[in-house]
Amino acid sequence: MTAPTTALRGRTRPRPAIDHPPKVLRREVHQPDYVILVAVIAMSAIGILMVFSSSAMKAYTEEGDVFATVAPQVFWCVAGLLAMLGMMRIDYRRLRLVSIPVYGLAIVLLVLVFVPGLGQVVGGSARWLKVGPFPAVHPAEFAKLALVIYLAHWLAKRGTSIGGFLRGTIPFLIIFLPIVGLVLREPDLGTSMVVSITGLTMFILAGASVFQVGLLGAGGLVGVVMFALHGYQLERIKSWIDPWKDASGIGFHSVQGLMALGSGGLLGLGLGQSRGAGGLFLPNASNDFIFAVIGEEFGLFGAGLVVALFVILAYQGVRIALSAPDTFGALLAAGITTWLCIQAFINIGVVVALFPITGITLPFISAGGSSLTISLAAVGILLSISRETVERGTWNDASADRGRRHGRAHLPGSGRRPVAPRPRP
């Protein structure tokens, strides 16, 4: 068969026929990080077990059903695992397309908690949103993930201008402060601390001026002390300084948590043998102080295992960030890892009296549907990034997408059609 011809400078020459259709560029992916996957599933299983152990007695005395607290936890865990598996299979770059709408939705949800009839006030804080027959949700949990996604997209797109004040710090504050301010307004000091540390960490990693970030941190701390601390939060700080001074009053939470940890010893009292939670003496045993129940029932060994799992998550998360294929993936992995591990560090620090009581959950373990589902979905994104990690020559090498027109999301797709080489005349 004669090949088609084309005219060139008055002459014709043959052009080879393309017998096969052009190849389409595909994602080059490998297996996800199974170390993180196993660690997170293990923590979720420990969480369900400990939520049941710490809540069964109280649930029976108050509602006549020992599964009243753990049953919703199982449901949210299944939903979270499905979300994790789904996010793991999706190209994480597609999140750049929805980063702005997701950020806007987070702002709207945080505002709705202040609307009478929608927001629920629990313990003096308007943290929960209840719409019709649907379960109550904690919008601040969704806001953490939304802020991490949008900041990763914005910082990667901004490039080297992040180090400037007018083009870096000021726009960052415009993005960052609405989330932090609304969470503080609830008030939820613990969650605002996690959000602040996560956002500033991502800002520094993207190339921000450490001096400017230090000024922001110092100014924020002064602002919180002067304007954001409420009466009960000041009482918590006083009880943290000396909880034994009023062990039956403002120091009750801290004292009971320390006693639960101390009574566990090396190997613990055994599953279901918690005297604090079982005897209804330990407040918030199934959520904020669940680490104390773990220490009481499984001792230093069980508590150390939980800490080790979070250390593994932190280590593997940093490795994924360092070997991510682009800046967006690196910042996204760093943000998710920082958020989950800082929150765990603060929660455990509260139980061991390292910090004042803040009222935040232990990721994957504490009772709380919003926290569990969103955290598992975030791990799914981390696993999606891990499927494209590249082994580098140095420990901190990650290719940047700066200065390469990343104003819009870069998605994998068809490249240019291959052009067959033409023979010389």
Protein backbone atom coordinates (compact mmCIF):
# COMPACT_ATOMS: atom_id res chain seq x y z
CA MET A 1 0.00 0.00 0.00
CA THR A 2 1.34 3.41 -0.95
CA ALA A 3 1.98 5.75 1.96
CA PRO A 4 0.29 9.17 1.88
CA THR A 5 2.33 12.08 0.57
CA THR A 6 2.63 15.75 1.50
CA ALA A 7 3.86 18.81 -0.41
CA LEU A 8 7.01 20.57 0.72
CA ARG A 9 8.73 23.30 -1.34
CA GLY A 10 7.11 22.16 -4.50
CA ARG A 11 8.13 18.56 -4.08
CA THR A 12 6.33 15.58 -2.67
CA ARG A 13 7.76 13.03 -0.37
CA PRO A 14 6.22 10.03 1.39
CA ARG A 15 4.94 10.33 4.93
CA PRO A 16 4.93 7.05 6.83
CA ALA A 17 1.50 5.81 7.77
CA ILE A 18 0.74 5.53 11.49
CA ASP A 19 -0.28 1.93 11.97
CA HIS A 20 -0.94 2.25 15.70
CA PRO A 21 -2.90 4.92 17.59
CA PRO A 22 -0.80 7.35 19.66
CA LYS A 23 -0.07 6.34 23.19
CA VAL A 24 -1.79 8.16 26.05
CA LEU A 25 0.25 9.33 29.02
CA ARG A 26 -0.73 7.49 32.17
CA ARG A 27 0.08 7.90 35.83
CA GLU A 28 3.09 5.87 36.80
CA VAL A 29 1.96 4.53 40.14
CA HIS A 30 3.15 1.83 42.45
CA GLN A 31 1.79 0.28 45.63
CA PRO A 32 0.79 2.64 48.46
CA ASP A 33 2.72 2.91 51.70
CA TYR A 34 1.49 -0.19 53.50
CA VAL A 35 3.28 0.80 56.70
CA ILE A 36 0.97 3.80 57.10
CA LEU A 37 -2.03 1.75 56.03
CA VAL A 38 -1.38 -0.94 58.64
CA ALA A 39 -0.60 1.61 61.38
CA VAL A 40 -3.80 3.58 60.77
CA ILE A 41 -6.00 0.49 60.60
CA ALA A 42 -4.41 -0.77 63.82
CA MET A 43 -5.12 2.54 65.57
CA SER A 44 -8.72 2.53 64.33
CA ALA A 45 -9.20 -1.01 65.67
CA ILE A 46 -7.67 -0.04 69.01
CA GLY A 47 -9.98 2.96 69.05
CA ILE A 48 -13.15 0.89 68.61
CA LEU A 49 -12.02 -1.52 71.31
CA MET A 50 -11.17 1.24 73.78
CA VAL A 51 -14.29 3.30 73.06
CA PHE A 52 -16.38 0.27 73.98
CA SER A 53 -14.33 -0.48 77.06
CA SER A 54 -14.43 3.12 78.30
CA SER A 55 -18.09 3.84 77.52
CA ALA A 56 -20.04 0.61 78.06
CA MET A 57 -20.76 1.16 81.76
CA LYS A 58 -21.77 4.78 81.36
CA ALA A 59 -23.87 4.04 78.28
CA TYR A 60 -25.70 1.29 80.16
CA THR A 61 -26.46 3.45 83.20
CA GLU A 62 -27.60 6.43 81.14
CA GLU A 63 -29.25 4.87 78.08
CA GLY A 64 -29.64 1.19 78.93
CA ASP A 65 -27.50 0.13 75.96
CA VAL A 66 -23.83 -0.75 76.31
CA PHE A 67 -23.35 -0.15 72.55
CA ALA A 68 -24.84 3.36 72.53
CA THR A 69 -21.43 5.01 72.11
CA VAL A 70 -19.41 2.41 70.23
CA ALA A 71 -22.05 1.58 67.59
CA PRO A 72 -21.84 5.03 65.92
CA GLN A 73 -18.05 4.78 66.17
CA VAL A 74 -18.11 1.53 64.16
CA PHE A 75 -20.34 3.16 61.53
CA TRP A 76 -18.10 6.20 61.16
CA CYS A 77 -15.02 3.97 61.06
CA VAL A 78 -16.44 1.99 58.14
CA ALA A 79 -17.38 5.22 56.36
CA GLY A 80 -13.90 6.60 57.00
CA LEU A 81 -12.18 3.47 55.71
CA LEU A 82 -14.25 3.63 52.51
CA ALA A 83 -13.32 7.30 52.14
CA MET A 84 -9.66 6.43 52.71
CA LEU A 85 -9.69 3.72 50.05
CA GLY A 86 -11.51 6.00 47.63
CA MET A 87 -9.10 8.91 48.11
CA MET A 88 -6.16 6.53 47.80
CA ARG A 89 -7.27 5.56 44.28
CA ILE A 90 -7.83 9.15 43.10
CA ASP A 91 -5.00 11.22 41.65
CA TYR A 92 -4.30 13.69 44.45
CA ARG A 93 -3.65 16.48 41.91
CA ARG A 94 -7.36 16.61 41.19
CA LEU A 95 -7.80 18.16 44.62
CA ARG A 96 -6.31 21.36 43.16
CA LEU A 97 -9.45 21.73 41.06
CA VAL A 98 -11.72 21.75 44.12
CA SER A 99 -9.38 23.44 46.60
CA ILE A 100 -11.12 26.83 46.45
CA PRO A 101 -14.72 25.49 46.64
CA VAL A 102 -13.75 23.19 49.52
CA TYR A 103 -12.13 26.10 51.37
CA GLY A 104 -15.24 28.24 50.82
CA LEU A 105 -17.49 25.43 52.06
CA ALA A 106 -15.41 25.14 55.22
CA ILE A 107 -15.88 28.87 55.91
CA VAL A 108 -19.64 28.57 55.40
CA LEU A 109 -19.91 25.58 57.75
CA LEU A 110 -17.91 27.35 60.45
CA VAL A 111 -20.24 30.34 60.19
CA LEU A 112 -23.37 28.15 60.37
CA VAL A 113 -22.48 26.87 63.85
CA PHE A 114 -23.36 30.35 65.16
CA VAL A 115 -26.82 30.30 63.56
CA PRO A 116 -29.53 29.57 66.17
CA GLY A 117 -31.27 26.30 65.44
CA LEU A 118 -28.33 24.88 63.50
CA GLY A 119 -25.41 25.19 65.88
CA GLN A 120 -25.32 23.18 69.09
CA VAL A 121 -23.62 24.53 72.19
CA VAL A 122 -21.83 21.81 74.18
CA GLY A 123 -19.82 22.70 77.27
CA GLY A 124 -20.11 26.41 76.54
CA SER A 125 -18.72 26.04 73.00
CA ALA A 126 -20.67 26.22 69.73
CA ARG A 127 -18.72 23.53 67.90
CA TRP A 128 -21.40 21.28 66.47
CA LEU A 129 -23.70 21.63 63.47
CA LYS A 130 -27.01 19.76 63.47
CA VAL A 131 -29.24 19.82 60.39
CA GLY A 132 -32.56 17.96 60.56
CA PRO A 133 -32.35 14.22 61.21
CA PHE A 134 -28.70 13.99 60.22
CA PRO A 135 -26.04 13.32 62.87
CA ALA A 136 -24.27 16.32 64.38
CA VAL A 137 -20.94 17.11 62.76
CA HIS A 138 -17.94 19.15 63.84
CA PRO A 139 -17.17 21.58 60.98
CA ALA A 140 -13.73 22.40 62.40
CA GLU A 141 -12.57 18.89 61.49
CA PHE A 142 -13.50 19.45 57.86
CA ALA A 143 -11.91 22.91 58.00
CA LYS A 144 -8.53 21.38 58.91
CA LEU A 145 -8.47 19.27 55.75
CA ALA A 146 -9.86 22.08 53.59
CA LEU A 147 -7.19 24.52 54.77
CA VAL A 148 -4.38 22.00 54.20
CA ILE A 149 -5.54 21.30 50.63
CA TYR A 150 -5.98 24.94 49.68
CA LEU A 151 -2.73 26.07 51.31
CA ALA A 152 -0.80 23.33 49.51
CA HIS A 153 -2.28 24.44 46.19
CA TRP A 154 -1.75 28.16 46.83
CA LEU A 155 1.78 27.82 48.19
CA ALA A 156 2.87 25.59 45.29
CA LYS A 157 1.41 28.05 42.78
CA ARG A 158 2.94 31.09 44.49
CA GLY A 159 6.48 29.82 44.14
CA THR A 160 9.44 31.84 45.34
CA SER A 161 7.33 34.93 46.07
CA ILE A 162 6.28 33.24 49.32
CA GLY A 163 9.33 34.76 50.98
CA GLY A 164 8.09 38.32 50.40
CA PHE A 165 5.91 40.28 52.80
CA LEU A 166 3.41 41.81 50.38
CA ARG A 167 3.16 38.85 48.00
CA GLY A 168 3.68 36.10 50.57
CA THR A 169 2.83 36.89 54.16
CA ILE A 170 -0.14 39.23 53.60
CA PRO A 171 -2.03 36.87 51.20
CA PHE A 172 -1.23 33.96 53.52
CA LEU A 173 -2.87 35.78 56.42
CA ILE A 174 -5.93 36.53 54.29
CA ILE A 175 -6.33 32.79 53.68
CA PHE A 176 -5.25 31.60 57.12
CA LEU A 177 -6.92 33.98 59.59
CA PRO A 178 -10.62 33.38 58.68
CA ILE A 179 -10.36 29.68 59.61
CA VAL A 180 -8.39 30.31 62.81
CA GLY A 181 -10.59 33.24 63.83
CA LEU A 182 -13.87 31.34 63.39
CA VAL A 183 -12.57 28.35 65.33
CA LEU A 184 -11.38 30.64 68.14
CA ARG A 185 -14.79 32.32 68.12
CA GLU A 186 -16.59 29.05 68.97
CA PRO A 187 -14.42 28.98 71.22
CA ASP A 188 -12.16 25.99 70.51
CA LEU A 189 -8.64 26.83 71.60
CA GLY A 190 -7.27 23.31 71.10
CA THR A 191 -8.38 22.99 67.48
CA SER A 192 -7.18 26.52 66.71
CA MET A 193 -3.75 25.53 68.03
CA VAL A 194 -3.63 22.51 65.72
CA VAL A 195 -4.75 24.58 62.72
CA SER A 196 -2.24 27.33 63.50
CA ILE A 197 0.73 25.01 63.90
CA THR A 198 -0.19 23.11 60.73
CA GLY A 199 -0.63 26.23 58.61
CA LEU A 200 2.55 27.92 59.83
CA THR A 201 4.54 24.72 59.30
CA MET A 202 3.38 24.50 55.69
CA PHE A 203 4.18 28.20 55.22
CA ILE A 204 7.74 27.71 56.47
CA LEU A 205 8.28 24.60 54.35
CA ALA A 206 7.14 26.49 51.26
CA GLY A 207 9.91 29.04 51.74
CA ALA A 208 8.45 31.73 53.98
CA SER A 209 10.67 34.00 56.04
CA VAL A 210 11.30 32.37 59.40
CA PHE A 211 11.62 35.82 60.96
CA GLN A 212 8.20 36.87 59.68
CA VAL A 213 6.64 33.59 60.81
CA GLY A 214 8.19 34.09 64.25
CA LEU A 215 6.61 37.53 64.47
CA LEU A 216 3.26 36.08 63.41
CA GLY A 217 3.48 33.38 66.07
CA ALA A 218 4.43 35.84 68.80
CA GLY A 219 1.69 38.26 67.77
CA GLY A 220 -0.87 35.50 67.65
CA LEU A 221 0.09 34.28 71.11
CA VAL A 222 -0.24 37.78 72.56
CA GLY A 223 -3.60 38.22 70.84
CA VAL A 224 -4.93 34.95 72.21
CA VAL A 225 -3.83 35.79 75.76
CA MET A 226 -5.32 39.27 75.62
CA PHE A 227 -8.55 38.72 73.71
CA ALA A 228 -9.36 35.02 73.14
CA LEU A 229 -8.96 33.42 76.57
CA HIS A 230 -12.25 32.92 78.39
CA GLY A 231 -12.95 32.36 82.06
CA TYR A 232 -13.10 28.59 81.97
CA GLN A 233 -9.90 28.44 79.91
CA LEU A 234 -8.08 30.51 82.53
CA GLU A 235 -9.36 28.08 85.17
CA ARG A 236 -7.92 25.21 83.15
CA ILE A 237 -4.53 26.89 83.08
CA LYS A 238 -4.65 27.33 86.86
CA SER A 239 -5.59 23.67 87.33
CA TRP A 240 -2.75 22.62 85.01
CA ILE A 241 -0.19 24.48 87.11
CA ASP A 242 -1.28 22.68 90.28
CA PRO A 243 -4.12 20.19 89.70
CA TRP A 244 -3.81 18.74 93.21
CA LYS A 245 -4.64 22.09 94.81
CA ASP A 246 -8.32 21.55 93.98
CA ALA A 247 -8.43 17.85 93.12
CA SER A 248 -12.21 17.65 93.47
CA GLY A 249 -12.85 20.91 91.59
CA ILE A 250 -11.04 22.46 88.64
CA GLY A 251 -8.24 19.89 88.85
CA PHE A 252 -10.56 16.88 88.80
CA HIS A 253 -10.00 15.98 85.13
CA SER A 254 -6.23 16.12 85.33
CA VAL A 255 -6.00 14.28 88.64
CA GLN A 256 -8.27 11.44 87.51
CA GLY A 257 -6.34 11.08 84.26
CA LEU A 258 -3.01 10.88 86.08
CA MET A 259 -4.41 8.38 88.58
CA ALA A 260 -5.72 6.20 85.76
CA LEU A 261 -2.33 6.22 84.05
CA GLY A 262 -0.48 5.52 87.29
CA SER A 263 -2.69 2.59 88.27
CA GLY A 264 -1.97 0.77 85.00
CA GLY A 265 1.65 0.00 85.84
CA LEU A 266 3.69 -1.87 83.26
CA LEU A 267 1.10 -4.26 81.81
CA GLY A 268 -2.17 -2.71 82.95
CA LEU A 269 -5.22 -3.97 84.78
CA GLY A 270 -6.72 -5.75 81.79
CA LEU A 271 -9.35 -4.96 79.17
CA GLY A 272 -12.55 -3.69 80.76
CA GLN A 273 -10.98 -3.41 84.21
CA SER A 274 -10.57 0.37 84.17
CA ARG A 275 -11.52 1.72 87.57
CA GLY A 276 -11.75 5.29 86.33
CA ALA A 277 -13.96 4.83 83.28
CA GLY A 278 -15.69 1.71 84.62
CA GLY A 279 -16.38 3.41 87.93
CA LEU A 280 -17.55 6.56 86.12
CA PHE A 281 -14.85 8.67 87.79
CA LEU A 282 -12.87 9.69 84.69
CA PRO A 283 -14.64 12.43 82.69
CA ASN A 284 -14.60 12.22 78.88
CA ALA A 285 -13.08 8.74 79.12
CA SER A 286 -14.12 7.75 75.59
CA ASN A 287 -12.80 10.84 73.79
CA ASP A 288 -10.46 13.46 75.30
CA PHE A 289 -9.00 11.16 77.99
CA ILE A 290 -9.11 7.83 76.19
CA PHE A 291 -5.29 7.62 76.33
CA ALA A 292 -5.58 7.45 80.13
CA VAL A 293 -7.89 4.44 79.80
CA ILE A 294 -5.41 2.77 77.44
CA GLY A 295 -2.65 3.30 80.00
CA GLU A 296 -4.79 1.98 82.82
CA GLU A 297 -5.98 -1.17 81.07
CA PHE A 298 -2.84 -2.01 79.06
CA GLY A 299 -0.19 -0.23 81.08
CA LEU A 300 3.00 1.30 79.79
CA PHE A 301 3.18 -1.35 77.08
CA GLY A 302 -0.21 -0.42 75.56
CA ALA A 303 0.32 3.32 75.87
CA GLY A 304 3.80 2.98 74.34
CA LEU A 305 2.35 1.00 71.43
CA VAL A 306 -0.06 3.85 70.62
CA VAL A 307 2.76 6.39 70.79
CA ALA A 308 4.91 4.16 68.56
CA LEU A 309 2.15 3.97 65.94
CA PHE A 310 1.96 7.75 65.77
CA VAL A 311 5.75 7.97 65.52
CA ILE A 312 5.59 5.54 62.58
CA LEU A 313 2.90 7.68 60.96
CA ALA A 314 5.05 10.80 61.43
CA TYR A 315 8.19 9.16 60.05
CA GLN A 316 6.51 7.68 56.99
CA GLY A 317 4.59 10.88 56.35
CA VAL A 318 7.83 12.88 56.29
CA ARG A 319 9.38 10.35 53.89
CA ILE A 320 6.41 10.67 51.56
CA ALA A 321 6.65 14.47 51.65
CA LEU A 322 10.37 14.37 50.85
CA SER A 323 9.95 12.00 47.91
CA ALA A 324 6.71 13.42 46.48
CA PRO A 325 6.77 14.02 42.72
CA ASP A 326 5.84 17.74 42.93
CA THR A 327 5.65 20.63 45.36
CA PHE A 328 1.88 20.38 45.78
CA GLY A 329 2.15 16.73 46.83
CA ALA A 330 5.06 17.47 49.17
CA LEU A 331 3.22 20.30 50.94
CA LEU A 332 -0.01 18.31 51.09
CA ALA A 333 1.73 15.32 52.66
CA ALA A 334 3.59 17.55 55.12
CA GLY A 335 0.39 19.35 56.11
CA ILE A 336 -1.61 16.16 56.72
CA THR A 337 1.23 14.57 58.69
CA THR A 338 1.75 17.68 60.82
CA TRP A 339 -1.97 18.03 61.56
CA LEU A 340 -2.53 14.43 62.67
CA CYS A 341 0.68 14.07 64.68
CA ILE A 342 0.50 17.49 66.37
CA GLN A 343 -3.08 16.78 67.41
CA ALA A 344 -2.03 13.42 68.87
CA PHE A 345 0.90 15.05 70.66
CA ILE A 346 -1.34 17.69 72.25
CA ASN A 347 -3.99 15.16 73.29
CA ILE A 348 -1.45 12.85 74.93
CA GLY A 349 0.31 15.87 76.44
CA VAL A 350 -2.96 16.93 78.10
CA VAL A 351 -3.46 13.49 79.63
CA VAL A 352 0.06 13.40 81.09
CA ALA A 353 -0.36 17.02 82.34
CA LEU A 354 2.19 18.43 79.89
CA PHE A 355 -0.41 20.92 78.59
CA PRO A 356 -3.62 22.45 79.98
CA ILE A 357 -6.86 20.70 79.05
CA THR A 358 -7.78 21.68 75.50
CA GLY A 359 -10.64 19.35 74.55
CA ILE A 360 -9.31 17.79 71.34
CA THR A 361 -9.54 14.15 70.36
CA LEU A 362 -6.84 11.55 69.82
CA PRO A 363 -6.93 10.87 66.04
CA PHE A 364 -8.30 7.46 64.98
CA ILE A 365 -8.84 6.39 68.60
CA SER A 366 -11.14 8.79 70.43
CA ALA A 367 -14.91 8.61 70.01
CA GLY A 368 -16.09 11.14 67.44
CA GLY A 369 -17.46 10.51 63.98
CA SER A 370 -16.32 13.75 62.34
CA SER A 371 -12.75 13.42 63.57
CA LEU A 372 -12.45 9.75 62.63
CA THR A 373 -13.94 10.04 59.14
CA ILE A 374 -12.03 13.17 58.12
CA SER A 375 -8.76 11.82 59.53
CA LEU A 376 -9.11 8.58 57.57
CA ALA A 377 -9.96 10.50 54.39
CA ALA A 378 -6.81 12.60 54.93
CA VAL A 379 -4.74 9.43 55.25
CA GLY A 380 -6.23 8.30 51.94
CA ILE A 381 -4.81 11.43 50.31
CA LEU A 382 -1.45 10.71 51.92
CA LEU A 383 -1.55 7.18 50.51
CA SER A 384 -2.41 8.56 47.06
CA ILE A 385 0.74 10.67 47.17
CA SER A 386 2.74 7.67 48.37
CA ARG A 387 1.77 5.80 45.18
CA GLU A 388 3.86 8.23 43.13
CA THR A 389 6.87 8.79 45.36
CA VAL A 390 10.25 8.76 43.64
CA GLU A 391 13.48 7.56 45.14
CA ARG A 392 15.87 10.51 45.15
CA GLY A 393 19.60 10.85 45.48
CA THR A 394 19.36 12.97 48.62
CA TRP A 395 17.18 12.74 51.70
CA ASN A 396 15.41 16.07 51.13
CA ASP A 397 15.01 16.19 47.38
CA ALA A 398 11.58 16.85 45.86
CA SER A 399 11.08 18.36 42.43
CA ALA A 400 9.38 21.75 42.53
CA ASP A 401 6.61 22.91 40.23
CA ARG A 402 7.42 26.57 40.79
CA GLY A 403 7.66 28.88 37.85
CA ARG A 404 6.04 26.36 35.53
CA ARG A 405 2.61 27.96 35.12
CA HIS A 406 0.78 26.05 37.81
CA GLY A 407 -1.97 28.60 38.16
CA ARG A 408 -4.35 25.76 37.39
CA ALA A 409 -4.31 22.18 38.49
CA HIS A 410 -1.98 19.92 36.53
CA LEU A 411 -3.82 16.73 35.75
CA PRO A 412 -2.55 13.68 33.93
CA GLY A 413 -3.99 13.23 30.49
CA SER A 414 -3.23 12.89 26.81
CA GLY A 415 -0.01 14.49 25.70
CA ARG A 416 0.68 15.84 22.23
CA ARG A 417 0.25 13.37 19.46
CA PRO A 418 3.59 11.89 18.43
CA VAL A 419 4.79 13.18 15.10
CA ALA A 420 6.52 10.64 12.93
CA PRO A 421 10.00 11.74 11.78
CA ARG A 422 10.18 12.75 8.17
CA PRO A 423 13.03 11.51 6.03
CA ARG A 424 15.34 14.08 4.57
CA PRO A 425 15.00 14.65 0.85
